[in-house]
């Protein structure tokens, strides 16, 4: 019993130090700078911040990694302390993208079945990555990278396997 009593304060101290080290990167939502909050609203309009973590980076100094909730989608965004977009990840449906992007998707896919729409970052700007079937065919698949304004950055068309 004396051995347990001897090491109990040390165990409590180690537990407190461990929990402090792992909890120090999480910050309250109210402590997120206004530039970062504005950048989140610009990249993901209508988003509510759920969690924010602060980490140090050699290039950008302070980096905010935020989890947000928009409509029924959970998203992740990584921003510098000045609000520069470093990374963003969110899966979307066609109704959630801007009208210019919707128009481009419908025009380029010829009203084909949409497999996936993902919000992503490319060179510090948000882009929409779309995978869809072309027209009524399930043999031809088209992959698009579209900017917020509806401009196509990348287009790839692949032929599916032809089964005889």
N, C-alpha and C. Protein backbone atom coordinates (compact mmCIF):
# COMPACT_ATOMS: atom_id res chain seq x y z
N UNK A 1 0.81 -1.18 0.00
CA UNK A 1 0.00 0.00 0.00
C UNK A 1 0.86 1.26 0.00
N UNK A 2 2.00 1.21 0.70
CA UNK A 2 2.85 2.39 0.75
C UNK A 2 3.46 2.69 -0.60
N UNK A 3 3.70 1.67 -1.41
CA UNK A 3 4.28 1.88 -2.74
C UNK A 3 3.29 2.62 -3.63
N UNK A 4 2.01 2.22 -3.56
CA UNK A 4 0.98 2.88 -4.36
C UNK A 4 0.83 4.34 -3.93
N UNK A 5 0.84 4.60 -2.66
CA UNK A 5 0.72 5.97 -2.16
C UNK A 5 1.94 6.80 -2.56
N UNK A 6 3.07 6.14 -2.68
CA UNK A 6 4.30 6.84 -3.06
C UNK A 6 4.25 7.32 -4.52
N UNK A 7 3.67 6.50 -5.42
CA UNK A 7 3.66 6.83 -6.85
C UNK A 7 2.37 7.51 -7.33
N UNK A 8 1.39 7.65 -6.47
CA UNK A 8 0.12 8.27 -6.87
C UNK A 8 0.30 9.73 -7.31
N UNK A 9 1.02 10.57 -6.55
CA UNK A 9 1.20 11.96 -7.00
C UNK A 9 1.92 12.06 -8.35
N UNK A 10 2.88 11.18 -8.58
CA UNK A 10 3.61 11.17 -9.84
C UNK A 10 2.68 10.78 -10.99
N UNK A 11 1.83 9.79 -10.77
CA UNK A 11 0.88 9.36 -11.81
C UNK A 11 -0.12 10.47 -12.13
N UNK A 12 -0.60 11.17 -11.11
CA UNK A 12 -1.54 12.27 -11.33
C UNK A 12 -0.86 13.40 -12.09
N UNK A 13 0.37 13.69 -11.75
CA UNK A 13 1.13 14.73 -12.44
C UNK A 13 1.34 14.38 -13.91
N UNK A 14 1.70 13.14 -14.19
CA UNK A 14 1.90 12.71 -15.57
C UNK A 14 0.59 12.75 -16.37
N UNK A 15 -0.51 12.36 -15.75
CA UNK A 15 -1.81 12.40 -16.40
C UNK A 15 -2.19 13.84 -16.74
N UNK A 16 -1.99 14.76 -15.82
CA UNK A 16 -2.30 16.17 -16.07
C UNK A 16 -1.43 16.75 -17.17
N UNK A 17 -0.15 16.41 -17.16
CA UNK A 17 0.77 16.92 -18.19
C UNK A 17 0.39 16.37 -19.57
N UNK A 18 0.01 15.10 -19.65
CA UNK A 18 -0.38 14.48 -20.91
C UNK A 18 -1.67 15.10 -21.45
N UNK A 19 -2.65 15.29 -20.57
CA UNK A 19 -3.93 15.85 -21.03
C UNK A 19 -3.76 17.32 -21.44
N UNK A 20 -2.91 18.06 -20.78
CA UNK A 20 -2.65 19.44 -21.14
C UNK A 20 -1.95 19.53 -22.49
N UNK A 21 -1.02 18.63 -22.74
CA UNK A 21 -0.29 18.64 -24.01
C UNK A 21 -1.21 18.33 -25.18
N UNK A 22 -2.16 17.43 -25.00
CA UNK A 22 -3.06 17.07 -26.08
C UNK A 22 -4.23 18.03 -26.23
N UNK A 23 -4.59 18.75 -25.21
CA UNK A 23 -5.71 19.68 -25.28
C UNK A 23 -5.27 21.09 -25.64
N UNK A 24 -3.97 21.36 -25.65
CA UNK A 24 -3.51 22.73 -25.87
C UNK A 24 -3.72 23.20 -27.29
N UNK A 25 -3.81 22.28 -28.27
CA UNK A 25 -4.00 22.72 -29.64
C UNK A 25 -5.45 23.08 -29.95
N UNK A 26 -6.41 22.58 -29.18
CA UNK A 26 -7.81 22.96 -29.38
C UNK A 26 -8.04 24.32 -28.76
N UNK A 27 -8.78 25.16 -29.50
CA UNK A 27 -9.08 26.49 -28.98
C UNK A 27 -10.58 26.71 -29.06
N UNK A 28 -11.11 27.59 -28.23
CA UNK A 28 -12.55 27.89 -28.32
C UNK A 28 -12.87 28.60 -29.64
N UNK A 29 -14.09 28.41 -30.12
CA UNK A 29 -14.51 29.02 -31.38
C UNK A 29 -14.44 30.55 -31.30
N UNK A 30 -14.71 31.10 -30.13
CA UNK A 30 -14.67 32.56 -29.96
C UNK A 30 -13.24 33.11 -30.10
N UNK A 31 -12.23 32.27 -29.92
CA UNK A 31 -10.85 32.72 -30.00
C UNK A 31 -10.29 32.67 -31.42
N UNK A 32 -11.07 32.18 -32.37
CA UNK A 32 -10.62 32.12 -33.76
C UNK A 32 -10.64 33.55 -34.32
N UNK A 33 -9.53 34.01 -34.92
CA UNK A 33 -9.48 35.38 -35.43
C UNK A 33 -10.55 35.66 -36.49
N UNK A 34 -10.93 36.92 -36.59
CA UNK A 34 -12.00 37.30 -37.52
C UNK A 34 -11.61 37.04 -38.98
N UNK A 35 -10.33 37.17 -39.33
CA UNK A 35 -9.89 36.88 -40.69
C UNK A 35 -10.11 35.41 -41.05
N UNK A 36 -9.85 34.54 -40.09
CA UNK A 36 -10.04 33.11 -40.31
C UNK A 36 -11.52 32.79 -40.43
N UNK A 37 -12.34 33.37 -39.55
CA UNK A 37 -13.79 33.16 -39.63
C UNK A 37 -14.36 33.67 -40.95
N UNK A 38 -13.88 34.83 -41.40
CA UNK A 38 -14.34 35.39 -42.68
C UNK A 38 -13.93 34.49 -43.85
N UNK A 39 -12.74 33.92 -43.78
CA UNK A 39 -12.28 33.02 -44.85
C UNK A 39 -13.12 31.74 -44.88
N UNK A 40 -13.51 31.24 -43.71
CA UNK A 40 -14.37 30.06 -43.66
C UNK A 40 -15.71 30.38 -44.32
N UNK A 41 -16.28 31.55 -44.01
CA UNK A 41 -17.57 31.94 -44.59
C UNK A 41 -17.46 32.19 -46.10
N UNK A 42 -16.30 32.66 -46.55
CA UNK A 42 -16.11 32.88 -47.99
C UNK A 42 -16.01 31.56 -48.73
N UNK A 43 -15.23 30.62 -48.19
CA UNK A 43 -15.03 29.33 -48.86
C UNK A 43 -16.24 28.41 -48.71
N UNK A 44 -16.90 28.47 -47.58
CA UNK A 44 -18.06 27.61 -47.31
C UNK A 44 -19.18 28.46 -46.74
N UNK A 45 -19.93 29.17 -47.60
CA UNK A 45 -20.99 30.07 -47.11
C UNK A 45 -22.03 29.33 -46.26
N UNK A 46 -22.37 29.92 -45.12
CA UNK A 46 -23.36 29.32 -44.24
C UNK A 46 -22.80 28.27 -43.30
N UNK A 47 -21.49 28.11 -43.26
CA UNK A 47 -20.87 27.08 -42.42
C UNK A 47 -20.84 27.51 -40.96
N UNK A 48 -21.04 26.56 -40.06
CA UNK A 48 -20.92 26.80 -38.63
C UNK A 48 -19.68 26.05 -38.14
N UNK A 49 -18.78 26.78 -37.48
CA UNK A 49 -17.59 26.13 -36.94
C UNK A 49 -17.97 25.24 -35.77
N UNK A 50 -17.45 24.02 -35.78
CA UNK A 50 -17.69 23.08 -34.70
C UNK A 50 -16.45 22.96 -33.81
N UNK A 51 -15.29 22.91 -34.45
CA UNK A 51 -14.06 22.70 -33.71
C UNK A 51 -12.93 23.46 -34.41
N UNK A 52 -12.02 24.00 -33.64
CA UNK A 52 -10.86 24.69 -34.18
C UNK A 52 -9.61 24.25 -33.43
N UNK A 53 -8.56 23.98 -34.19
CA UNK A 53 -7.27 23.60 -33.60
C UNK A 53 -6.21 24.53 -34.14
N UNK A 54 -5.30 24.89 -33.28
CA UNK A 54 -4.20 25.77 -33.65
C UNK A 54 -2.91 24.97 -33.62
N UNK A 55 -2.13 25.06 -34.68
CA UNK A 55 -0.85 24.37 -34.71
C UNK A 55 0.19 25.32 -35.30
N UNK A 56 1.42 25.00 -35.08
CA UNK A 56 2.53 25.81 -35.58
C UNK A 56 3.08 25.17 -36.85
N UNK A 57 3.46 26.03 -37.80
CA UNK A 57 4.02 25.58 -39.05
C UNK A 57 5.22 26.46 -39.36
N UNK A 58 6.24 25.88 -39.95
CA UNK A 58 7.45 26.64 -40.24
C UNK A 58 7.21 27.70 -41.31
N UNK A 59 6.38 27.38 -42.29
CA UNK A 59 6.14 28.29 -43.40
C UNK A 59 5.07 29.34 -43.10
N UNK A 60 3.93 28.90 -42.53
CA UNK A 60 2.81 29.81 -42.31
C UNK A 60 2.67 30.27 -40.87
N UNK A 61 3.56 29.87 -40.00
CA UNK A 61 3.53 30.16 -38.56
C UNK A 61 2.33 29.51 -37.90
N UNK A 62 1.24 30.25 -37.73
CA UNK A 62 0.06 29.68 -37.09
C UNK A 62 -0.89 29.13 -38.16
N UNK A 63 -1.35 27.89 -37.96
CA UNK A 63 -2.27 27.25 -38.89
C UNK A 63 -3.51 26.82 -38.10
N UNK A 64 -4.67 27.21 -38.61
CA UNK A 64 -5.94 26.85 -37.98
C UNK A 64 -6.59 25.72 -38.77
N UNK A 65 -6.82 24.61 -38.11
CA UNK A 65 -7.52 23.48 -38.71
C UNK A 65 -8.92 23.46 -38.11
N UNK A 66 -9.91 23.69 -38.93
CA UNK A 66 -11.28 23.83 -38.44
C UNK A 66 -12.19 22.78 -39.04
N UNK A 67 -13.11 22.31 -38.23
CA UNK A 67 -14.16 21.42 -38.69
C UNK A 67 -15.44 22.24 -38.67
N UNK A 68 -16.22 22.14 -39.74
CA UNK A 68 -17.45 22.92 -39.83
C UNK A 68 -18.60 22.05 -40.30
N UNK A 69 -19.80 22.56 -40.08
CA UNK A 69 -21.02 21.89 -40.48
C UNK A 69 -21.80 22.84 -41.37
N UNK A 70 -22.16 22.36 -42.57
CA UNK A 70 -22.93 23.18 -43.52
C UNK A 70 -24.00 22.30 -44.15
N UNK A 71 -25.25 22.77 -44.07
CA UNK A 71 -26.41 21.98 -44.50
C UNK A 71 -26.37 20.64 -43.77
N UNK A 72 -26.17 19.56 -44.46
CA UNK A 72 -26.07 18.26 -43.79
C UNK A 72 -24.68 17.66 -44.00
N UNK A 73 -23.72 18.52 -44.35
CA UNK A 73 -22.38 18.04 -44.67
C UNK A 73 -21.38 18.51 -43.62
N UNK A 74 -20.47 17.63 -43.28
CA UNK A 74 -19.38 17.94 -42.38
C UNK A 74 -18.15 18.21 -43.22
N UNK A 75 -17.47 19.32 -42.97
CA UNK A 75 -16.31 19.67 -43.77
C UNK A 75 -15.11 20.01 -42.91
N UNK A 76 -13.96 20.08 -43.55
CA UNK A 76 -12.70 20.36 -42.89
C UNK A 76 -11.98 21.43 -43.70
N UNK A 77 -11.43 22.42 -43.02
CA UNK A 77 -10.70 23.48 -43.70
C UNK A 77 -9.44 23.82 -42.89
N UNK A 78 -8.38 24.12 -43.61
CA UNK A 78 -7.11 24.48 -42.98
C UNK A 78 -6.70 25.84 -43.53
N UNK A 79 -6.49 26.81 -42.62
CA UNK A 79 -6.20 28.19 -43.00
C UNK A 79 -4.99 28.72 -42.26
N UNK A 80 -4.29 29.67 -42.88
CA UNK A 80 -3.22 30.36 -42.17
C UNK A 80 -3.84 31.41 -41.26
N UNK A 81 -3.03 32.02 -40.40
CA UNK A 81 -3.57 33.02 -39.48
C UNK A 81 -4.06 34.27 -40.20
N UNK A 82 -3.67 34.46 -41.46
CA UNK A 82 -4.15 35.59 -42.25
C UNK A 82 -5.38 35.24 -43.08
N UNK A 83 -5.84 34.01 -42.98
CA UNK A 83 -7.03 33.59 -43.71
C UNK A 83 -6.75 32.98 -45.06
N UNK A 84 -5.48 32.68 -45.37
CA UNK A 84 -5.14 32.07 -46.65
C UNK A 84 -5.54 30.60 -46.63
N UNK A 85 -6.22 30.15 -47.68
CA UNK A 85 -6.68 28.77 -47.78
C UNK A 85 -5.51 27.83 -48.04
N UNK A 86 -5.34 26.84 -47.18
CA UNK A 86 -4.29 25.84 -47.36
C UNK A 86 -4.88 24.51 -47.81
N UNK A 87 -6.03 24.14 -47.25
CA UNK A 87 -6.67 22.87 -47.61
C UNK A 87 -8.14 22.93 -47.23
N UNK A 88 -8.97 22.26 -47.99
CA UNK A 88 -10.40 22.18 -47.68
C UNK A 88 -10.89 20.84 -48.20
N UNK A 89 -11.83 20.25 -47.48
CA UNK A 89 -12.35 18.94 -47.87
C UNK A 89 -13.81 18.85 -47.44
N UNK A 90 -14.69 18.67 -48.43
CA UNK A 90 -16.12 18.52 -48.15
C UNK A 90 -16.77 17.83 -49.33
N UNK A 91 -17.62 16.87 -49.08
CA UNK A 91 -18.41 16.22 -50.13
C UNK A 91 -19.74 16.95 -50.23
N UNK A 92 -20.17 17.20 -51.47
CA UNK A 92 -21.37 18.00 -51.71
C UNK A 92 -22.34 17.29 -52.64
N UNK A 93 -23.52 17.85 -52.76
CA UNK A 93 -24.49 17.45 -53.77
C UNK A 93 -24.68 18.64 -54.71
N UNK A 94 -25.32 18.41 -55.85
CA UNK A 94 -25.43 19.44 -56.88
C UNK A 94 -26.15 20.69 -56.39
N UNK A 95 -27.08 20.56 -55.46
CA UNK A 95 -27.82 21.71 -54.96
C UNK A 95 -26.97 22.63 -54.08
N UNK A 96 -25.86 22.12 -53.56
CA UNK A 96 -25.02 22.89 -52.65
C UNK A 96 -23.94 23.71 -53.34
N UNK A 97 -23.73 23.52 -54.63
CA UNK A 97 -22.68 24.25 -55.33
C UNK A 97 -23.26 25.55 -55.90
N UNK A 98 -22.43 26.55 -56.17
CA UNK A 98 -22.91 27.82 -56.73
C UNK A 98 -23.59 27.62 -58.10
N UNK A 99 -24.50 28.52 -58.47
CA UNK A 99 -25.22 28.38 -59.74
C UNK A 99 -24.32 28.29 -60.98
N UNK A 100 -23.22 29.03 -60.99
CA UNK A 100 -22.30 28.98 -62.14
C UNK A 100 -21.67 27.59 -62.27
N UNK A 101 -21.36 26.97 -61.15
CA UNK A 101 -20.78 25.63 -61.16
C UNK A 101 -21.83 24.60 -61.59
N UNK A 102 -23.06 24.76 -61.10
CA UNK A 102 -24.15 23.87 -61.51
C UNK A 102 -24.35 23.91 -63.03
N UNK A 103 -24.37 25.10 -63.57
CA UNK A 103 -24.58 25.28 -65.01
C UNK A 103 -23.46 24.59 -65.80
N UNK A 104 -22.22 24.77 -65.36
CA UNK A 104 -21.08 24.15 -66.03
C UNK A 104 -21.15 22.63 -65.94
N UNK A 105 -21.51 22.11 -64.78
CA UNK A 105 -21.61 20.66 -64.61
C UNK A 105 -22.66 20.08 -65.54
N UNK A 106 -23.84 20.69 -65.59
CA UNK A 106 -24.91 20.19 -66.46
C UNK A 106 -24.53 20.29 -67.94
N UNK A 107 -23.84 21.37 -68.31
CA UNK A 107 -23.44 21.56 -69.70
C UNK A 107 -22.38 20.54 -70.12
N UNK A 108 -21.38 20.33 -69.28
CA UNK A 108 -20.26 19.45 -69.64
C UNK A 108 -20.60 17.96 -69.55
N UNK A 109 -21.49 17.61 -68.66
CA UNK A 109 -21.83 16.18 -68.50
C UNK A 109 -23.04 15.78 -69.31
N UNK A 110 -23.66 16.72 -70.00
CA UNK A 110 -24.87 16.46 -70.80
C UNK A 110 -25.95 15.81 -69.95
N UNK A 111 -26.17 16.36 -68.73
CA UNK A 111 -27.18 15.89 -67.78
C UNK A 111 -26.94 14.45 -67.33
N UNK A 112 -25.66 14.03 -67.33
CA UNK A 112 -25.32 12.67 -66.93
C UNK A 112 -25.42 12.49 -65.42
N UNK A 113 -25.40 11.25 -64.99
CA UNK A 113 -25.47 10.90 -63.57
C UNK A 113 -24.19 11.34 -62.86
N UNK A 114 -24.34 12.09 -61.79
CA UNK A 114 -23.19 12.61 -61.03
C UNK A 114 -22.83 11.60 -59.95
N UNK A 115 -21.58 11.15 -59.97
CA UNK A 115 -21.11 10.20 -58.97
C UNK A 115 -20.67 10.89 -57.69
N UNK A 116 -19.93 12.01 -57.86
CA UNK A 116 -19.35 12.66 -56.68
C UNK A 116 -19.01 14.11 -57.00
N UNK A 117 -19.24 14.98 -56.01
CA UNK A 117 -18.78 16.37 -56.07
C UNK A 117 -18.04 16.64 -54.77
N UNK A 118 -16.83 17.14 -54.90
CA UNK A 118 -15.99 17.36 -53.73
C UNK A 118 -15.41 18.76 -53.79
N UNK A 119 -15.49 19.48 -52.68
CA UNK A 119 -14.86 20.80 -52.56
C UNK A 119 -13.42 20.57 -52.13
N UNK A 120 -12.49 21.14 -52.87
CA UNK A 120 -11.08 20.89 -52.63
C UNK A 120 -10.30 22.19 -52.84
N UNK A 121 -9.03 22.21 -52.47
CA UNK A 121 -8.17 23.39 -52.66
C UNK A 121 -7.14 23.09 -53.74
N UNK A 122 -6.91 24.10 -54.59
CA UNK A 122 -5.92 23.99 -55.64
C UNK A 122 -5.18 25.31 -55.71
N UNK A 123 -3.90 25.33 -55.36
CA UNK A 123 -3.08 26.54 -55.37
C UNK A 123 -3.70 27.67 -54.56
N UNK A 124 -4.27 27.35 -53.40
CA UNK A 124 -4.82 28.36 -52.52
C UNK A 124 -6.22 28.84 -52.88
N UNK A 125 -6.86 28.21 -53.86
CA UNK A 125 -8.22 28.58 -54.26
C UNK A 125 -9.11 27.35 -54.16
N UNK A 126 -10.39 27.59 -53.84
CA UNK A 126 -11.30 26.45 -53.75
C UNK A 126 -11.78 26.07 -55.14
N UNK A 127 -11.81 24.76 -55.39
CA UNK A 127 -12.30 24.22 -56.66
C UNK A 127 -13.26 23.08 -56.35
N UNK A 128 -14.09 22.79 -57.31
CA UNK A 128 -15.04 21.69 -57.19
C UNK A 128 -14.58 20.57 -58.12
N UNK A 129 -14.34 19.40 -57.54
CA UNK A 129 -13.93 18.24 -58.33
C UNK A 129 -15.17 17.36 -58.53
N UNK A 130 -15.49 17.12 -59.80
CA UNK A 130 -16.72 16.42 -60.14
C UNK A 130 -16.37 15.15 -60.91
N UNK A 131 -17.01 14.04 -60.54
CA UNK A 131 -16.92 12.79 -61.31
C UNK A 131 -18.34 12.44 -61.72
N UNK A 132 -18.51 12.21 -63.01
CA UNK A 132 -19.85 12.00 -63.53
C UNK A 132 -19.79 11.10 -64.75
N UNK A 133 -20.93 10.53 -65.09
CA UNK A 133 -21.07 9.82 -66.35
C UNK A 133 -21.48 10.84 -67.41
N UNK A 134 -21.08 10.58 -68.64
CA UNK A 134 -21.35 11.50 -69.74
C UNK A 134 -22.68 11.13 -70.39
N UNK A 135 -23.65 12.03 -70.31
CA UNK A 135 -24.96 11.81 -70.93
C UNK A 135 -25.66 10.59 -70.34
N UNK A 136 -26.27 9.80 -71.22
CA UNK A 136 -26.99 8.60 -70.79
C UNK A 136 -26.10 7.38 -70.68
N UNK A 137 -24.85 7.52 -71.05
CA UNK A 137 -23.92 6.39 -71.07
C UNK A 137 -23.28 6.17 -69.70
N UNK A 138 -23.14 4.92 -69.32
CA UNK A 138 -22.39 4.60 -68.11
C UNK A 138 -21.00 4.08 -68.47
N UNK A 139 -20.67 4.11 -69.76
CA UNK A 139 -19.36 3.65 -70.22
C UNK A 139 -18.34 4.78 -70.28
N UNK A 140 -18.82 6.00 -70.43
CA UNK A 140 -17.92 7.15 -70.53
C UNK A 140 -18.03 7.95 -69.24
N UNK A 141 -16.89 8.12 -68.59
CA UNK A 141 -16.85 8.87 -67.33
C UNK A 141 -16.04 10.15 -67.54
N UNK A 142 -16.53 11.24 -66.97
CA UNK A 142 -15.87 12.53 -67.11
C UNK A 142 -15.51 13.06 -65.72
N UNK A 143 -14.29 13.57 -65.59
CA UNK A 143 -13.83 14.19 -64.35
C UNK A 143 -13.53 15.65 -64.65
N UNK A 144 -14.11 16.54 -63.85
CA UNK A 144 -13.95 17.97 -64.05
C UNK A 144 -13.40 18.62 -62.79
N UNK A 145 -12.60 19.65 -62.97
CA UNK A 145 -12.18 20.53 -61.89
C UNK A 145 -12.66 21.92 -62.27
N UNK A 146 -13.55 22.49 -61.45
CA UNK A 146 -14.24 23.72 -61.79
C UNK A 146 -14.01 24.76 -60.69
N UNK A 147 -13.75 26.01 -61.07
CA UNK A 147 -13.62 27.08 -60.10
C UNK A 147 -14.99 27.57 -59.66
N UNK A 148 -15.02 28.43 -58.68
CA UNK A 148 -16.27 28.98 -58.16
C UNK A 148 -17.04 29.76 -59.24
N UNK A 149 -16.33 30.36 -60.17
CA UNK A 149 -16.98 31.15 -61.22
C UNK A 149 -17.51 30.29 -62.36
N UNK A 150 -17.23 28.99 -62.34
CA UNK A 150 -17.72 28.09 -63.37
C UNK A 150 -16.71 27.79 -64.47
N UNK A 151 -15.49 28.26 -64.32
CA UNK A 151 -14.44 28.02 -65.31
C UNK A 151 -13.83 26.64 -65.10
N UNK A 152 -13.62 25.92 -66.18
CA UNK A 152 -13.06 24.57 -66.09
C UNK A 152 -11.54 24.67 -66.07
N UNK A 153 -10.93 24.08 -65.05
CA UNK A 153 -9.48 24.07 -64.90
C UNK A 153 -8.90 22.79 -65.49
N UNK A 154 -9.60 21.68 -65.31
CA UNK A 154 -9.11 20.38 -65.77
C UNK A 154 -10.29 19.52 -66.20
N UNK A 155 -10.11 18.77 -67.28
CA UNK A 155 -11.15 17.88 -67.79
C UNK A 155 -10.49 16.58 -68.23
N UNK A 156 -11.01 15.45 -67.74
CA UNK A 156 -10.52 14.14 -68.15
C UNK A 156 -11.71 13.28 -68.51
N UNK A 157 -11.60 12.62 -69.65
CA UNK A 157 -12.66 11.72 -70.10
C UNK A 157 -12.05 10.34 -70.21
N UNK A 158 -12.71 9.36 -69.57
CA UNK A 158 -12.22 7.98 -69.62
C UNK A 158 -13.30 7.06 -70.15
N UNK A 159 -12.88 6.11 -70.93
CA UNK A 159 -13.77 5.08 -71.46
C UNK A 159 -13.81 3.95 -70.44
N UNK A 160 -14.99 3.46 -70.15
CA UNK A 160 -15.14 2.33 -69.25
C UNK A 160 -14.81 1.03 -69.97
N UNK A 161 -14.84 -0.07 -69.24
CA UNK A 161 -14.60 -1.38 -69.83
C UNK A 161 -15.79 -1.78 -70.69
N UNK A 162 -15.52 -2.25 -71.84
CA UNK A 162 -16.57 -2.73 -72.73
C UNK A 162 -16.68 -4.23 -72.57
N UNK A 163 -17.81 -4.68 -72.09
CA UNK A 163 -18.01 -6.11 -71.89
C UNK A 163 -18.83 -6.65 -73.06
N UNK A 164 -18.29 -7.66 -73.74
CA UNK A 164 -18.98 -8.23 -74.91
C UNK A 164 -19.79 -9.43 -74.52
